[in-house]
Amino acid sequence: MARAGARVAVATPKRGRKRLLTAFALENAEHSLRELYESRSAPRVVAELGAALALSAAPRLISAVDISNIGGSFSVGTVVTYRDGRPDRSLYRKYRTRAVKGADDCARIREVVARHTKRSASEGRELPDLLLVDGGRGQLSAAALGLSDAGVRGTALAAIAKREEDVFVPGRAAPVAFPERSGALRLLQRIRNEVHRFSVTYHRSLREAETRRSSLDDVPGIGAARKELLLTRFGSAAGVARASEAELTEVPGIGSGTARKIREALAEAQTRDGAGE
């Protein structure tokens, strides 16, 4: 308004010819921006990573998958995406895993990779040049199965193991050898750490919500402190309900009498909830 020297009104057409013109202008702007992005050279560290992994091109779009759960309860999967070595938070995604029972993180990686890839395709979003998973060869194979389930080919895969920071890729028996103080390896570590942070944060938020409100509230003698201990140990009220009396008494402050009351109260709650369905 200061540059125009007068009051400026901004309007968004809702229908008719002006709305079509606005849509065309937006489409052209997106196309021009995409061309500008693709014409830029990849950052050096991204190009270095592509060379280290023997990829046909620099992985300018990298997505990473992580799983977080306690004993199979409240199991979640998250995806973070980096563009040209920087986080693109508009492409971060969260998933509650549902197809896998028990503590099988490889199966959960397969599920999350397949669901996320199908979702990306259905939303018309570009697929990553490289998909990174936290783990070793087992997690790498699970991610490959997830891509296959989604009917996707052409996305490169890598896995980075926490203990030795080894990086594995399909078709190569030995870990990838990175130069000392490699910027490419540090980039993979940053992405792995970010997806782990995002996953733990999401998992914690679900646990806190469960702590605030759960069927354990109806059990006599179970206050906030004991409830938190039970949920931390078994992951959810459903996990507590599945526990035996002996397992419940392993939690500090839970004696055999209290364990019996917990099982009876939760069994009654499940029966009541089932009758109301």
Protein backbone atom coordinates (compact mmCIF):
# COMPACT_ATOMS: atom_id res chain seq x y z
CA MET A 1 0.00 0.00 0.00
CA ALA A 2 2.91 2.35 0.74
CA ARG A 3 4.40 1.76 -2.69
CA ALA A 4 1.04 2.20 -4.46
CA GLY A 5 0.34 5.42 -2.61
CA ALA A 6 -3.28 4.43 -2.06
CA ARG A 7 -5.42 1.79 -0.37
CA VAL A 8 -5.07 -1.61 -2.09
CA ALA A 9 -7.84 -4.21 -2.05
CA VAL A 10 -7.05 -7.91 -2.55
CA ALA A 11 -9.89 -10.13 -3.71
CA THR A 12 -10.10 -13.85 -4.46
CA PRO A 13 -12.53 -14.69 -7.27
CA LYS A 14 -14.96 -17.46 -6.31
CA ARG A 15 -16.53 -18.22 -9.71
CA GLY A 16 -16.61 -17.33 -13.38
CA ARG A 17 -13.86 -16.27 -15.77
CA LYS A 18 -11.73 -14.51 -13.15
CA ARG A 19 -11.64 -17.65 -11.01
CA LEU A 20 -10.40 -19.65 -14.04
CA LEU A 21 -7.75 -17.03 -14.77
CA THR A 22 -6.58 -17.15 -11.14
CA ALA A 23 -6.33 -20.95 -11.27
CA PHE A 24 -4.31 -20.80 -14.51
CA ALA A 25 -1.97 -18.20 -13.00
CA LEU A 26 -1.41 -20.38 -9.93
CA GLU A 27 -0.73 -23.45 -12.07
CA ASN A 28 1.76 -21.52 -14.21
CA ALA A 29 3.51 -20.18 -11.11
CA GLU A 30 3.84 -23.69 -9.65
CA HIS A 31 5.18 -24.98 -12.98
CA SER A 32 7.74 -22.16 -13.19
CA LEU A 33 8.83 -22.73 -9.59
CA ARG A 34 9.26 -26.46 -10.25
CA GLU A 35 11.36 -25.75 -13.36
CA LEU A 36 13.50 -23.29 -11.39
CA TYR A 37 14.05 -25.85 -8.63
CA GLU A 38 14.94 -28.63 -11.08
CA SER A 39 17.37 -26.39 -12.98
CA ARG A 40 19.39 -25.64 -9.84
CA SER A 41 22.36 -27.80 -9.08
CA ALA A 42 21.99 -30.15 -6.13
CA PRO A 43 23.87 -29.06 -2.99
CA ARG A 44 27.34 -30.54 -2.78
CA VAL A 45 26.53 -32.76 0.22
CA VAL A 46 23.50 -34.21 -1.58
CA ALA A 47 25.57 -34.89 -4.71
CA GLU A 48 28.21 -36.50 -2.46
CA LEU A 49 25.57 -38.75 -0.94
CA GLY A 50 24.35 -39.83 -4.38
CA ALA A 51 27.89 -40.75 -5.40
CA ALA A 52 28.55 -42.65 -2.15
CA LEU A 53 25.38 -44.72 -2.60
CA ALA A 54 26.09 -45.21 -6.32
CA LEU A 55 22.79 -43.62 -7.32
CA SER A 56 22.12 -42.50 -10.87
CA ALA A 57 21.37 -38.96 -9.67
CA ALA A 58 21.65 -36.90 -6.51
CA PRO A 59 18.81 -37.74 -4.04
CA ARG A 60 17.30 -34.27 -3.79
CA LEU A 61 14.16 -35.55 -2.06
CA ILE A 62 14.88 -37.91 0.86
CA SER A 63 12.20 -39.42 3.10
CA ALA A 64 12.92 -41.33 6.30
CA VAL A 65 10.70 -43.76 8.24
CA ASP A 66 10.81 -44.59 11.95
CA ILE A 67 8.69 -46.77 14.25
CA SER A 68 8.03 -46.08 17.94
CA ASN A 69 6.18 -48.37 20.33
CA ILE A 70 6.25 -49.94 23.79
CA GLY A 71 5.61 -53.65 23.67
CA GLY A 72 3.51 -53.28 20.53
CA SER A 73 1.09 -50.84 22.17
CA PHE A 74 0.52 -47.35 20.79
CA SER A 75 2.72 -48.29 17.88
CA VAL A 76 3.24 -45.39 15.52
CA GLY A 77 5.17 -44.74 12.36
CA THR A 78 6.36 -41.38 11.13
CA VAL A 79 7.86 -40.02 7.92
CA VAL A 80 10.00 -36.92 7.54
CA THR A 81 11.18 -35.53 4.22
CA TYR A 82 14.22 -33.45 3.35
CA ARG A 83 14.51 -31.44 0.15
CA ASP A 84 18.04 -30.53 -0.95
CA GLY A 85 19.37 -31.44 2.48
CA ARG A 86 16.84 -29.36 4.44
CA PRO A 87 13.66 -30.50 6.25
CA ASP A 88 10.40 -29.91 4.38
CA ARG A 89 7.93 -30.01 7.28
CA SER A 90 4.93 -29.72 4.96
CA LEU A 91 5.71 -33.33 4.00
CA TYR A 92 6.00 -34.75 7.53
CA ARG A 93 3.41 -37.48 8.18
CA LYS A 94 2.18 -39.55 11.16
CA TYR A 95 0.63 -43.03 11.15
CA ARG A 96 -0.96 -45.28 13.77
CA THR A 97 0.06 -48.79 12.74
CA ARG A 98 -2.87 -51.18 12.73
CA ALA A 99 -2.13 -54.29 10.65
CA VAL A 100 0.59 -55.76 12.88
CA LYS A 101 0.16 -57.34 16.30
CA GLY A 102 3.03 -57.74 18.76
CA ALA A 103 6.53 -56.24 18.69
CA ASP A 104 7.47 -56.64 15.01
CA ASP A 105 9.04 -53.39 13.88
CA CYS A 106 10.04 -54.78 10.47
CA ALA A 107 6.41 -55.60 9.67
CA ARG A 108 5.42 -52.12 10.84
CA ILE A 109 8.03 -50.52 8.59
CA ARG A 110 6.57 -52.46 5.67
CA GLU A 111 3.07 -51.25 6.57
CA VAL A 112 4.04 -47.59 6.99
CA VAL A 113 6.13 -47.50 3.82
CA ALA A 114 3.29 -49.01 1.78
CA ARG A 115 0.63 -46.72 3.27
CA HIS A 116 2.73 -43.58 2.95
CA THR A 117 3.74 -44.35 -0.64
CA LYS A 118 0.16 -45.05 -1.69
CA ARG A 119 -0.99 -41.87 0.06
CA SER A 120 1.67 -39.79 -1.69
CA ALA A 121 0.66 -41.21 -5.08
CA SER A 122 -3.05 -40.65 -4.45
CA GLU A 123 -2.39 -37.04 -3.45
CA GLY A 124 -0.31 -36.45 -6.57
CA ARG A 125 2.87 -35.75 -4.61
CA GLU A 126 6.32 -36.63 -5.90
CA LEU A 127 7.92 -39.77 -4.49
CA PRO A 128 11.32 -39.55 -2.79
CA ASP A 129 14.53 -40.20 -4.66
CA LEU A 130 15.80 -42.02 -1.56
CA LEU A 131 13.92 -43.72 1.28
CA LEU A 132 15.88 -44.09 4.51
CA VAL A 133 14.98 -46.45 7.37
CA ASP A 134 16.40 -46.68 10.87
CA GLY A 135 17.97 -50.11 11.29
CA GLY A 136 19.88 -52.79 9.45
CA ARG A 137 19.32 -55.34 6.72
CA GLY A 138 16.02 -56.59 8.15
CA GLN A 139 14.51 -53.10 8.16
CA LEU A 140 15.92 -52.48 4.67
CA SER A 141 14.19 -55.61 3.34
CA ALA A 142 10.94 -54.59 5.05
CA ALA A 143 11.04 -51.18 3.36
CA ALA A 144 11.63 -52.85 -0.01
CA LEU A 145 8.56 -55.02 0.56
CA GLY A 146 6.55 -51.92 1.46
CA LEU A 147 7.49 -50.22 -1.81
CA SER A 148 6.60 -53.42 -3.67
CA ASP A 149 3.21 -53.57 -1.90
CA ALA A 150 2.57 -50.02 -3.13
CA GLY A 151 3.58 -50.96 -6.67
CA VAL A 152 6.49 -48.52 -6.74
CA ARG A 153 9.81 -48.97 -8.47
CA GLY A 154 12.72 -46.62 -8.88
CA THR A 155 12.96 -45.27 -5.33
CA ALA A 156 16.41 -45.95 -3.89
CA LEU A 157 16.68 -47.45 -0.41
CA ALA A 158 19.15 -47.20 2.45
CA ALA A 159 19.22 -48.19 6.12
CA ILE A 160 21.40 -46.71 8.85
CA ALA A 161 22.07 -48.71 12.00
CA LYS A 162 22.45 -46.82 15.29
CA ARG A 163 25.23 -48.72 17.04
CA GLU A 164 27.98 -48.67 14.41
CA GLU A 165 26.33 -46.08 12.13
CA ASP A 166 26.67 -48.57 9.26
CA VAL A 167 24.73 -47.75 6.12
CA PHE A 168 23.28 -50.62 4.08
CA VAL A 169 21.83 -50.56 0.56
CA PRO A 170 20.17 -53.35 -1.43
CA GLY A 171 22.45 -55.66 -3.39
CA ARG A 172 25.60 -54.83 -1.44
CA ALA A 173 26.86 -57.25 1.22
CA ALA A 174 29.16 -54.84 3.07
CA PRO A 175 28.12 -51.49 4.52
CA VAL A 176 28.78 -48.41 2.41
CA ALA A 177 32.26 -47.00 3.04
CA PHE A 178 32.10 -43.26 3.67
CA PRO A 179 35.20 -41.05 3.83
CA GLU A 180 36.28 -39.85 7.26
CA ARG A 181 34.18 -36.87 8.43
CA SER A 182 31.84 -37.41 5.50
CA GLY A 183 29.20 -34.71 5.10
CA ALA A 184 27.00 -37.23 3.31
CA LEU A 185 27.04 -39.58 6.31
CA ARG A 186 26.29 -36.69 8.68
CA LEU A 187 23.32 -35.77 6.49
CA LEU A 188 21.91 -39.30 6.81
CA GLN A 189 22.48 -39.16 10.58
CA ARG A 190 20.66 -35.83 10.86
CA ILE A 191 17.69 -37.16 8.90
CA ARG A 192 17.62 -40.37 11.00
CA ASN A 193 17.77 -38.36 14.22
CA GLU A 194 15.00 -36.03 13.05
CA VAL A 195 12.58 -38.81 12.13
CA HIS A 196 13.33 -40.52 15.45
CA ARG A 197 12.62 -37.27 17.33
CA PHE A 198 9.38 -36.80 15.41
CA SER A 199 8.32 -40.40 16.07
CA VAL A 200 9.06 -40.29 19.80
CA THR A 201 7.24 -36.97 20.15
CA TYR A 202 4.13 -38.36 18.45
CA HIS A 203 4.23 -41.54 20.51
CA ARG A 204 4.62 -39.55 23.73
CA SER A 205 1.63 -37.35 22.86
CA LEU A 206 -0.57 -40.44 22.46
CA ARG A 207 0.63 -41.90 25.74
CA GLU A 208 -0.01 -38.64 27.56
CA ALA A 209 -3.53 -38.52 26.14
CA GLU A 210 -4.10 -42.07 27.36
CA THR A 211 -2.72 -41.13 30.76
CA ARG A 212 -5.14 -38.23 31.06
CA ARG A 213 -8.15 -40.36 30.24
CA SER A 214 -8.38 -44.15 30.34
CA SER A 215 -10.43 -46.98 31.80
CA LEU A 216 -7.84 -47.22 34.57
CA ASP A 217 -9.52 -44.15 36.07
CA ASP A 218 -12.36 -46.43 37.19
CA VAL A 219 -10.11 -48.79 39.18
CA PRO A 220 -10.27 -48.11 42.94
CA GLY A 221 -6.90 -47.31 44.47
CA ILE A 222 -5.20 -46.43 41.18
CA GLY A 223 -4.09 -42.82 41.29
CA ALA A 224 -2.21 -40.78 38.71
CA ALA A 225 1.24 -42.06 39.73
CA ARG A 226 0.30 -45.75 39.59
CA LYS A 227 -1.60 -45.22 36.35
CA GLU A 228 1.46 -43.65 34.75
CA LEU A 229 3.64 -46.56 35.89
CA LEU A 230 1.17 -49.09 34.48
CA LEU A 231 0.84 -47.31 31.14
CA THR A 232 4.60 -46.91 30.84
CA ARG A 233 5.10 -50.62 31.53
CA PHE A 234 2.31 -51.97 29.30
CA GLY A 235 1.82 -49.16 26.78
CA SER A 236 -1.95 -48.66 27.08
CA ALA A 237 -5.01 -49.61 29.13
CA ALA A 238 -5.55 -52.48 26.67
CA GLY A 239 -2.01 -53.66 27.36
CA VAL A 240 -2.70 -53.54 31.10
CA ALA A 241 -5.88 -55.57 30.57
CA ARG A 242 -3.90 -58.27 28.72
CA ALA A 243 -1.31 -58.55 31.51
CA SER A 244 -1.46 -61.37 34.05
CA GLU A 245 -1.64 -60.74 37.78
CA ALA A 246 1.99 -61.80 38.08
CA GLU A 247 3.03 -59.27 35.43
CA LEU A 248 1.02 -56.52 37.11
CA THR A 249 2.72 -57.12 40.45
CA GLU A 250 6.08 -56.42 38.78
CA VAL A 251 5.04 -52.76 38.69
CA PRO A 252 6.16 -50.88 41.82
CA GLY A 253 3.29 -50.29 44.25
CA ILE A 254 1.03 -52.97 42.74
CA GLY A 255 0.37 -55.88 45.11
CA SER A 256 -1.54 -59.07 44.37
CA GLY A 257 -4.80 -57.65 45.72
CA THR A 258 -4.53 -54.50 43.63
CA ALA A 259 -3.56 -56.55 40.58
CA ARG A 260 -6.71 -58.64 41.00
CA LYS A 261 -8.87 -55.49 41.28
CA ILE A 262 -7.27 -54.06 38.13
CA ARG A 263 -7.99 -57.20 36.10
CA GLU A 264 -11.57 -57.43 37.37
CA ALA A 265 -12.30 -53.73 36.72
CA LEU A 266 -10.81 -53.74 33.22
CA ALA A 267 -12.58 -56.98 32.32
CA GLU A 268 -15.85 -55.42 33.45
CA ALA A 269 -15.11 -52.27 31.41
CA GLN A 270 -14.40 -54.35 28.30
CA THR A 271 -17.65 -56.28 28.76
CA ARG A 272 -19.58 -53.04 29.23
CA ASP A 273 -17.98 -51.42 26.18
CA GLY A 274 -18.64 -54.50 24.09
CA ALA A 275 -22.30 -54.56 25.10
CA GLY A 276 -22.65 -50.93 24.04
CA GLU A 277 -21.35 -51.46 20.49
